[in-house]
Amino acid sequence: GKEREFVAVISWNGGNTVYADSVKGRFTVS
């Protein structure tokens, strides 16, 4: 019943990451 939402993204070489505020500090993308 909800829209698909962003969680985390990572650049092609892993050098940059961005997290949704709701998961920042708890989730890690690699």
PDB file of all heavy atoms in Angstrom:
ATOM      1  N   GLY A   1       0.772  -1.225   0.000  1.00  0.00           N
ATOM      2  CA  GLY A   1       0.000   0.000   0.000  1.00  0.00           C
ATOM      3  C   GLY A   1       0.806   1.280   0.000  1.00  0.00           C
ATOM      4  O   GLY A   1       0.225   2.364   0.081  1.00  0.00           O
ATOM      5  N   LYS A   2       2.127   1.171  -0.091  1.00  0.00           N
ATOM      6  CA  LYS A   2       2.980   2.352  -0.062  1.00  0.00           C
ATOM      7  C   LYS A   2       3.812   2.453  -1.331  1.00  0.00           C
ATOM      8  O   LYS A   2       3.992   1.478  -2.053  1.00  0.00           O
ATOM      9  CB  LYS A   2       3.904   2.324   1.165  1.00  0.00           C
ATOM     10  CG  LYS A   2       3.178   2.370   2.502  1.00  0.00           C
ATOM     11  CD  LYS A   2       4.157   2.425   3.658  1.00  0.00           C
ATOM     12  CE  LYS A   2       3.440   2.509   4.988  1.00  0.00           C
ATOM     13  NZ  LYS A   2       4.395   2.566   6.123  1.00  0.00           N
ATOM     14  N   GLU A   3       4.315   3.658  -1.578  1.00  0.00           N
ATOM     15  CA  GLU A   3       5.185   3.886  -2.721  1.00  0.00           C
ATOM     16  C   GLU A   3       6.556   3.268  -2.481  1.00  0.00           C
ATOM     17  O   GLU A   3       7.011   3.142  -1.344  1.00  0.00           O
ATOM     18  CB  GLU A   3       5.340   5.382  -2.978  1.00  0.00           C
ATOM     19  CG  GLU A   3       4.076   6.089  -3.426  1.00  0.00           C
ATOM     20  CD  GLU A   3       3.728   5.764  -4.853  1.00  0.00           C
ATOM     21  OE1 GLU A   3       4.623   5.842  -5.722  1.00  0.00           O
ATOM     22  OE2 GLU A   3       2.568   5.416  -5.116  1.00  0.00           O
ATOM     23  N   ARG A   4       7.204   2.879  -3.555  1.00  0.00           N
ATOM     24  CA  ARG A   4       8.573   2.414  -3.458  1.00  0.00           C
ATOM     25  C   ARG A   4       9.457   3.592  -3.050  1.00  0.00           C
ATOM     26  O   ARG A   4       9.372   4.679  -3.634  1.00  0.00           O
ATOM     27  CB  ARG A   4       9.039   1.828  -4.788  1.00  0.00           C
ATOM     28  CG  ARG A   4      10.399   1.164  -4.733  1.00  0.00           C
ATOM     29  CD  ARG A   4      10.670   0.352  -5.988  1.00  0.00           C
ATOM     30  NE  ARG A   4       9.694  -0.710  -6.161  1.00  0.00           N
ATOM     31  CZ  ARG A   4       9.761  -1.640  -7.103  1.00  0.00           C
ATOM     32  NH1 ARG A   4      10.772  -1.638  -7.963  1.00  0.00           N
ATOM     33  NH2 ARG A   4       8.817  -2.559  -7.183  1.00  0.00           N
ATOM     34  N   GLU A   5      10.316   3.387  -2.043  1.00  0.00           N
ATOM     35  CA  GLU A   5      11.108   4.479  -1.521  1.00  0.00           C
ATOM     36  C   GLU A   5      12.596   4.171  -1.544  1.00  0.00           C
ATOM     37  O   GLU A   5      13.026   3.020  -1.460  1.00  0.00           O
ATOM     38  CB  GLU A   5      10.672   4.833  -0.089  1.00  0.00           C
ATOM     39  CG  GLU A   5      10.946   3.750   0.931  1.00  0.00           C
ATOM     40  CD  GLU A   5      10.592   4.176   2.351  1.00  0.00           C
ATOM     41  OE1 GLU A   5      10.229   5.349   2.560  1.00  0.00           O
ATOM     42  OE2 GLU A   5      10.684   3.318   3.258  1.00  0.00           O
ATOM     43  N   PHE A   6      13.351   5.222  -1.647  1.00  0.00           N
ATOM     44  CA  PHE A   6      14.801   5.164  -1.650  1.00  0.00           C
ATOM     45  C   PHE A   6      15.326   4.744  -0.281  1.00  0.00           C
ATOM     46  O   PHE A   6      14.821   5.189   0.756  1.00  0.00           O
ATOM     47  CB  PHE A   6      15.337   6.545  -2.042  1.00  0.00           C
ATOM     48  CG  PHE A   6      16.721   6.842  -1.558  1.00  0.00           C
ATOM     49  CD1 PHE A   6      17.820   6.218  -2.129  1.00  0.00           C
ATOM     50  CD2 PHE A   6      16.922   7.761  -0.554  1.00  0.00           C
ATOM     51  CE1 PHE A   6      19.099   6.504  -1.693  1.00  0.00           C
ATOM     52  CE2 PHE A   6      18.198   8.059  -0.112  1.00  0.00           C
ATOM     53  CZ  PHE A   6      19.276   7.429  -0.684  1.00  0.00           C
ATOM     54  N   VAL A   7      16.336   3.885  -0.263  1.00  0.00           N
ATOM     55  CA  VAL A   7      16.999   3.473   0.967  1.00  0.00           C
ATOM     56  C   VAL A   7      18.458   3.926   0.966  1.00  0.00           C
ATOM     57  O   VAL A   7      18.905   4.614   1.879  1.00  0.00           O
ATOM     58  CB  VAL A   7      16.926   1.954   1.174  1.00  0.00           C
ATOM     59  CG1 VAL A   7      17.720   1.541   2.411  1.00  0.00           C
ATOM     60  CG2 VAL A   7      15.478   1.496   1.296  1.00  0.00           C
ATOM     61  N   ALA A   8      19.210   3.532  -0.050  1.00  0.00           N
ATOM     62  CA  ALA A   8      20.622   3.876  -0.128  1.00  0.00           C
ATOM     63  C   ALA A   8      21.105   3.724  -1.560  1.00  0.00           C
ATOM     64  O   ALA A   8      20.618   2.872  -2.295  1.00  0.00           O
ATOM     65  CB  ALA A   8      21.463   2.994   0.803  1.00  0.00           C
ATOM     66  N   VAL A   9      22.068   4.544  -1.953  1.00  0.00           N
ATOM     67  CA  VAL A   9      22.700   4.420  -3.259  1.00  0.00           C
ATOM     68  C   VAL A   9      24.206   4.455  -3.086  1.00  0.00           C
ATOM     69  O   VAL A   9      24.720   5.009  -2.114  1.00  0.00           O
ATOM     70  CB  VAL A   9      22.262   5.524  -4.248  1.00  0.00           C
ATOM     71  CG1 VAL A   9      20.798   5.362  -4.610  1.00  0.00           C
ATOM     72  CG2 VAL A   9      22.526   6.905  -3.678  1.00  0.00           C
ATOM     73  N   ILE A  10      24.908   3.873  -4.050  1.00  0.00           N
ATOM     74  CA  ILE A  10      26.359   3.821  -4.024  1.00  0.00           C
ATOM     75  C   ILE A  10      26.870   4.039  -5.436  1.00  0.00           C
ATOM     76  O   ILE A  10      26.308   3.516  -6.401  1.00  0.00           O
ATOM     77  CB  ILE A  10      26.858   2.480  -3.425  1.00  0.00           C
ATOM     78  CG1 ILE A  10      28.377   2.479  -3.271  1.00  0.00           C
ATOM     79  CG2 ILE A  10      26.378   1.300  -4.272  1.00  0.00           C
ATOM     80  CD1 ILE A  10      28.880   1.307  -2.424  1.00  0.00           C
ATOM     81  N   SER A  11      27.920   4.830  -5.565  1.00  0.00           N
ATOM     82  CA  SER A  11      28.463   5.134  -6.877  1.00  0.00           C
ATOM     83  C   SER A  11      29.151   3.910  -7.475  1.00  0.00           C
ATOM     84  O   SER A  11      29.414   2.920  -6.789  1.00  0.00           O
ATOM     85  CB  SER A  11      29.442   6.303  -6.792  1.00  0.00           C
ATOM     86  OG  SER A  11      30.514   6.009  -5.910  1.00  0.00           O
ATOM     87  N   TRP A  12      29.468   4.004  -8.756  1.00  0.00           N
ATOM     88  CA  TRP A  12      29.981   2.842  -9.483  1.00  0.00           C
ATOM     89  C   TRP A  12      31.249   2.261  -8.862  1.00  0.00           C
ATOM     90  O   TRP A  12      31.470   1.043  -8.911  1.00  0.00           O
ATOM     91  CB  TRP A  12      30.239   3.213 -10.944  1.00  0.00           C
ATOM     92  CG  TRP A  12      31.412   4.134 -11.133  1.00  0.00           C
ATOM     93  CD1 TRP A  12      31.410   5.495 -11.066  1.00  0.00           C
ATOM     94  CD2 TRP A  12      32.752   3.755 -11.421  1.00  0.00           C
ATOM     95  NE1 TRP A  12      32.663   5.992 -11.293  1.00  0.00           N
ATOM     96  CE2 TRP A  12      33.509   4.943 -11.512  1.00  0.00           C
ATOM     97  CE3 TRP A  12      33.393   2.529 -11.619  1.00  0.00           C
ATOM     98  CZ2 TRP A  12      34.878   4.932 -11.779  1.00  0.00           C
ATOM     99  CZ3 TRP A  12      34.755   2.521 -11.889  1.00  0.00           C
ATOM    100  CH2 TRP A  12      35.482   3.710 -11.970  1.00  0.00           C
ATOM    101  N   ASN A  13      32.094   3.117  -8.290  1.00  0.00           N
ATOM    102  CA  ASN A  13      33.344   2.652  -7.694  1.00  0.00           C
ATOM    103  C   ASN A  13      33.277   2.557  -6.178  1.00  0.00           C
ATOM    104  O   ASN A  13      34.294   2.293  -5.535  1.00  0.00           O
ATOM    105  CB  ASN A  13      34.491   3.570  -8.109  1.00  0.00           C
ATOM    106  CG  ASN A  13      34.295   5.005  -7.645  1.00  0.00           C
ATOM    107  OD1 ASN A  13      33.286   5.345  -7.036  1.00  0.00           O
ATOM    108  ND2 ASN A  13      35.259   5.854  -7.942  1.00  0.00           N
ATOM    109  N   GLY A  14      32.089   2.769  -5.613  1.00  0.00           N
ATOM    110  CA  GLY A  14      31.922   2.696  -4.171  1.00  0.00           C
ATOM    111  C   GLY A  14      32.393   3.910  -3.411  1.00  0.00           C
ATOM    112  O   GLY A  14      32.341   3.919  -2.178  1.00  0.00           O
ATOM    113  N   GLY A  15      32.844   4.942  -4.114  1.00  0.00           N
ATOM    114  CA  GLY A  15      33.406   6.100  -3.452  1.00  0.00           C
ATOM    115  C   GLY A  15      32.403   7.023  -2.795  1.00  0.00           C
ATOM    116  O   GLY A  15      32.764   7.764  -1.872  1.00  0.00           O
ATOM    117  N   ASN A  16      31.168   7.005  -3.264  1.00  0.00           N
ATOM    118  CA  ASN A  16      30.129   7.880  -2.723  1.00  0.00           C
ATOM    119  C   ASN A  16      28.908   7.067  -2.334  1.00  0.00           C
ATOM    120  O   ASN A  16      28.505   6.153  -3.064  1.00  0.00           O
ATOM    121  CB  ASN A  16      29.741   8.943  -3.742  1.00  0.00           C
ATOM    122  CG  ASN A  16      30.862   9.923  -4.024  1.00  0.00           C
ATOM    123  OD1 ASN A  16      31.509  10.427  -3.111  1.00  0.00           O
ATOM    124  ND2 ASN A  16      31.100  10.197  -5.299  1.00  0.00           N
ATOM    125  N   THR A  17      28.315   7.408  -1.197  1.00  0.00           N
ATOM    126  CA  THR A  17      27.080   6.775  -0.749  1.00  0.00           C
ATOM    127  C   THR A  17      26.130   7.834  -0.219  1.00  0.00           C
ATOM    128  O   THR A  17      26.553   8.857   0.314  1.00  0.00           O
ATOM    129  CB  THR A  17      27.331   5.734   0.355  1.00  0.00           C
ATOM    130  OG1 THR A  17      28.006   6.354   1.457  1.00  0.00           O
ATOM    131  CG2 THR A  17      28.183   4.589  -0.172  1.00  0.00           C
ATOM    132  N   VAL A  18      24.829   7.581  -0.365  1.00  0.00           N
ATOM    133  CA  VAL A  18      23.788   8.445   0.167  1.00  0.00           C
ATOM    134  C   VAL A  18      22.728   7.553   0.800  1.00  0.00           C
ATOM    135  O   VAL A  18      22.358   6.525   0.230  1.00  0.00           O
ATOM    136  CB  VAL A  18      23.148   9.333  -0.916  1.00  0.00           C
ATOM    137  CG1 VAL A  18      22.058  10.222  -0.313  1.00  0.00           C
ATOM    138  CG2 VAL A  18      24.203  10.204  -1.591  1.00  0.00           C
ATOM    139  N   TYR A  19      22.236   7.961   1.985  1.00  0.00           N
ATOM    140  CA  TYR A  19      21.250   7.182   2.709  1.00  0.00           C
ATOM    141  C   TYR A  19      20.000   8.001   2.976  1.00  0.00           C
ATOM    142  O   TYR A  19      20.068   9.218   3.185  1.00  0.00           O
ATOM    143  CB  TYR A  19      21.806   6.714   4.057  1.00  0.00           C
ATOM    144  CG  TYR A  19      22.985   5.787   3.949  1.00  0.00           C
ATOM    145  CD1 TYR A  19      24.286   6.274   3.948  1.00  0.00           C
ATOM    146  CD2 TYR A  19      22.791   4.412   3.855  1.00  0.00           C
ATOM    147  CE1 TYR A  19      25.367   5.415   3.850  1.00  0.00           C
ATOM    148  CE2 TYR A  19      23.871   3.551   3.760  1.00  0.00           C
ATOM    149  CZ  TYR A  19      25.157   4.058   3.760  1.00  0.00           C
ATOM    150  OH  TYR A  19      26.228   3.204   3.666  1.00  0.00           O
ATOM    151  N   ALA A  20      18.860   7.326   2.987  1.00  0.00           N
ATOM    152  CA  ALA A  20      17.636   7.962   3.437  1.00  0.00           C
ATOM    153  C   ALA A  20      17.760   8.289   4.921  1.00  0.00           C
ATOM    154  O   ALA A  20      18.403   7.567   5.686  1.00  0.00           O
ATOM    155  CB  ALA A  20      16.438   7.042   3.198  1.00  0.00           C
ATOM    156  N   ASP A  21      17.126   9.387   5.336  1.00  0.00           N
ATOM    157  CA  ASP A  21      17.200   9.787   6.735  1.00  0.00           C
ATOM    158  C   ASP A  21      16.694   8.695   7.675  1.00  0.00           C
ATOM    159  O   ASP A  21      17.185   8.552   8.797  1.00  0.00           O
ATOM    160  CB  ASP A  21      16.402  11.071   6.967  1.00  0.00           C
ATOM    161  CG  ASP A  21      17.067  12.287   6.349  1.00  0.00           C
ATOM    162  OD1 ASP A  21      18.276  12.242   6.073  1.00  0.00           O
ATOM    163  OD2 ASP A  21      16.369  13.304   6.157  1.00  0.00           O
ATOM    164  N   SER A  22      15.730   7.918   7.225  1.00  0.00           N
ATOM    165  CA  SER A  22      15.119   6.904   8.069  1.00  0.00           C
ATOM    166  C   SER A  22      16.063   5.750   8.404  1.00  0.00           C
ATOM    167  O   SER A  22      15.829   5.028   9.379  1.00  0.00           O
ATOM    168  CB  SER A  22      13.850   6.354   7.404  1.00  0.00           C
ATOM    169  OG  SER A  22      14.150   5.786   6.142  1.00  0.00           O
ATOM    170  N   VAL A  23      17.124   5.564   7.611  1.00  0.00           N
ATOM    171  CA  VAL A  23      18.042   4.449   7.839  1.00  0.00           C
ATOM    172  C   VAL A  23      19.461   4.906   8.142  1.00  0.00           C
ATOM    173  O   VAL A  23      20.316   4.072   8.459  1.00  0.00           O
ATOM    174  CB  VAL A  23      18.065   3.487   6.634  1.00  0.00           C
ATOM    175  CG1 VAL A  23      16.657   3.028   6.291  1.00  0.00           C
ATOM    176  CG2 VAL A  23      18.730   4.137   5.426  1.00  0.00           C
ATOM    177  N   LYS A  24      19.721   6.191   8.062  1.00  0.00           N
ATOM    178  CA  LYS A  24      21.065   6.718   8.282  1.00  0.00           C
ATOM    179  C   LYS A  24      21.555   6.344   9.676  1.00  0.00           C
ATOM    180  O   LYS A  24      20.860   6.537  10.674  1.00  0.00           O
ATOM    181  CB  LYS A  24      21.070   8.229   8.092  1.00  0.00           C
ATOM    182  CG  LYS A  24      22.454   8.857   8.020  1.00  0.00           C
ATOM    183  CD  LYS A  24      22.353  10.349   7.692  1.00  0.00           C
ATOM    184  CE  LYS A  24      21.665  10.579   6.361  1.00  0.00           C
ATOM    185  NZ  LYS A  24      21.575  12.024   6.028  1.00  0.00           N
ATOM    186  N   GLY A  25      22.762   5.802   9.733  1.00  0.00           N
ATOM    187  CA  GLY A  25      23.333   5.371  10.995  1.00  0.00           C
ATOM    188  C   GLY A  25      23.043   3.928  11.349  1.00  0.00           C
ATOM    189  O   GLY A  25      23.699   3.377  12.244  1.00  0.00           O
ATOM    190  N   ARG A  26      22.072   3.319  10.683  1.00  0.00           N
ATOM    191  CA  ARG A  26      21.715   1.923  10.937  1.00  0.00           C
ATOM    192  C   ARG A  26      22.079   1.000   9.778  1.00  0.00           C
ATOM    193  O   ARG A  26      22.426  -0.158  10.002  1.00  0.00           O
ATOM    194  CB  ARG A  26      20.214   1.789  11.212  1.00  0.00           C
ATOM    195  CG  ARG A  26      19.749   2.539  12.452  1.00  0.00           C
ATOM    196  CD  ARG A  26      18.303   2.182  12.788  1.00  0.00           C
ATOM    197  NE  ARG A  26      17.377   2.581  11.726  1.00  0.00           N
ATOM    198  CZ  ARG A  26      16.561   1.760  11.089  1.00  0.00           C
ATOM    199  NH1 ARG A  26      16.537   0.462  11.416  1.00  0.00           N
ATOM    200  NH2 ARG A  26      15.745   2.205  10.149  1.00  0.00           N
ATOM    201  N   PHE A  27      21.977   1.490   8.546  1.00  0.00           N
ATOM    202  CA  PHE A  27      22.233   0.687   7.353  1.00  0.00           C
ATOM    203  C   PHE A  27      23.544   1.119   6.709  1.00  0.00           C
ATOM    204  O   PHE A  27      23.917   2.300   6.743  1.00  0.00           O
ATOM    205  CB  PHE A  27      21.117   0.848   6.325  1.00  0.00           C
ATOM    206  CG  PHE A  27      19.790   0.258   6.714  1.00  0.00           C
ATOM    207  CD1 PHE A  27      19.554  -0.230   7.985  1.00  0.00           C
ATOM    208  CD2 PHE A  27      18.769   0.187   5.777  1.00  0.00           C
ATOM    209  CE1 PHE A  27      18.326  -0.770   8.338  1.00  0.00           C
ATOM    210  CE2 PHE A  27      17.539  -0.352   6.113  1.00  0.00           C
ATOM    211  CZ  PHE A  27      17.314  -0.830   7.396  1.00  0.00           C
ATOM    212  N   THR A  28      24.237   0.164   6.089  1.00  0.00           N
ATOM    213  CA  THR A  28      25.465   0.438   5.365  1.00  0.00           C
ATOM    214  C   THR A  28      25.430  -0.272   4.018  1.00  0.00           C
ATOM    215  O   THR A  28      25.234  -1.487   3.966  1.00  0.00           O
ATOM    216  CB  THR A  28      26.704  -0.019   6.147  1.00  0.00           C
ATOM    217  OG1 THR A  28      26.746   0.634   7.422  1.00  0.00           O
ATOM    218  CG2 THR A  28      27.974   0.331   5.371  1.00  0.00           C
ATOM    219  N   VAL A  29      25.621   0.479   2.937  1.00  0.00           N
ATOM    220  CA  VAL A  29      25.660  -0.094   1.602  1.00  0.00           C
ATOM    221  C   VAL A  29      27.112  -0.215   1.159  1.00  0.00           C
ATOM    222  O   VAL A  29      27.938   0.662   1.452  1.00  0.00           O
ATOM    223  CB  VAL A  29      24.841   0.749   0.606  1.00  0.00           C
ATOM    224  CG1 VAL A  29      25.411   2.158   0.456  1.00  0.00           C
ATOM    225  CG2 VAL A  29      24.763   0.050  -0.750  1.00  0.00           C
ATOM    226  N   SER A  30      27.433  -1.300   0.481  1.00  0.00           N
ATOM    227  CA  SER A  30      28.775  -1.516  -0.031  1.00  0.00           C
ATOM    228  C   SER A  30      28.685  -2.325  -1.321  1.00  0.00           C
ATOM    229  O   SER A  30      27.629  -2.852  -1.660  1.00  0.00           O
ATOM    230  CB  SER A  30      29.653  -2.237   1.005  1.00  0.00           C
ATOM    231  OG  SER A  30      29.124  -3.511   1.319  1.00  0.00           O
TER     232      SER A  30
END
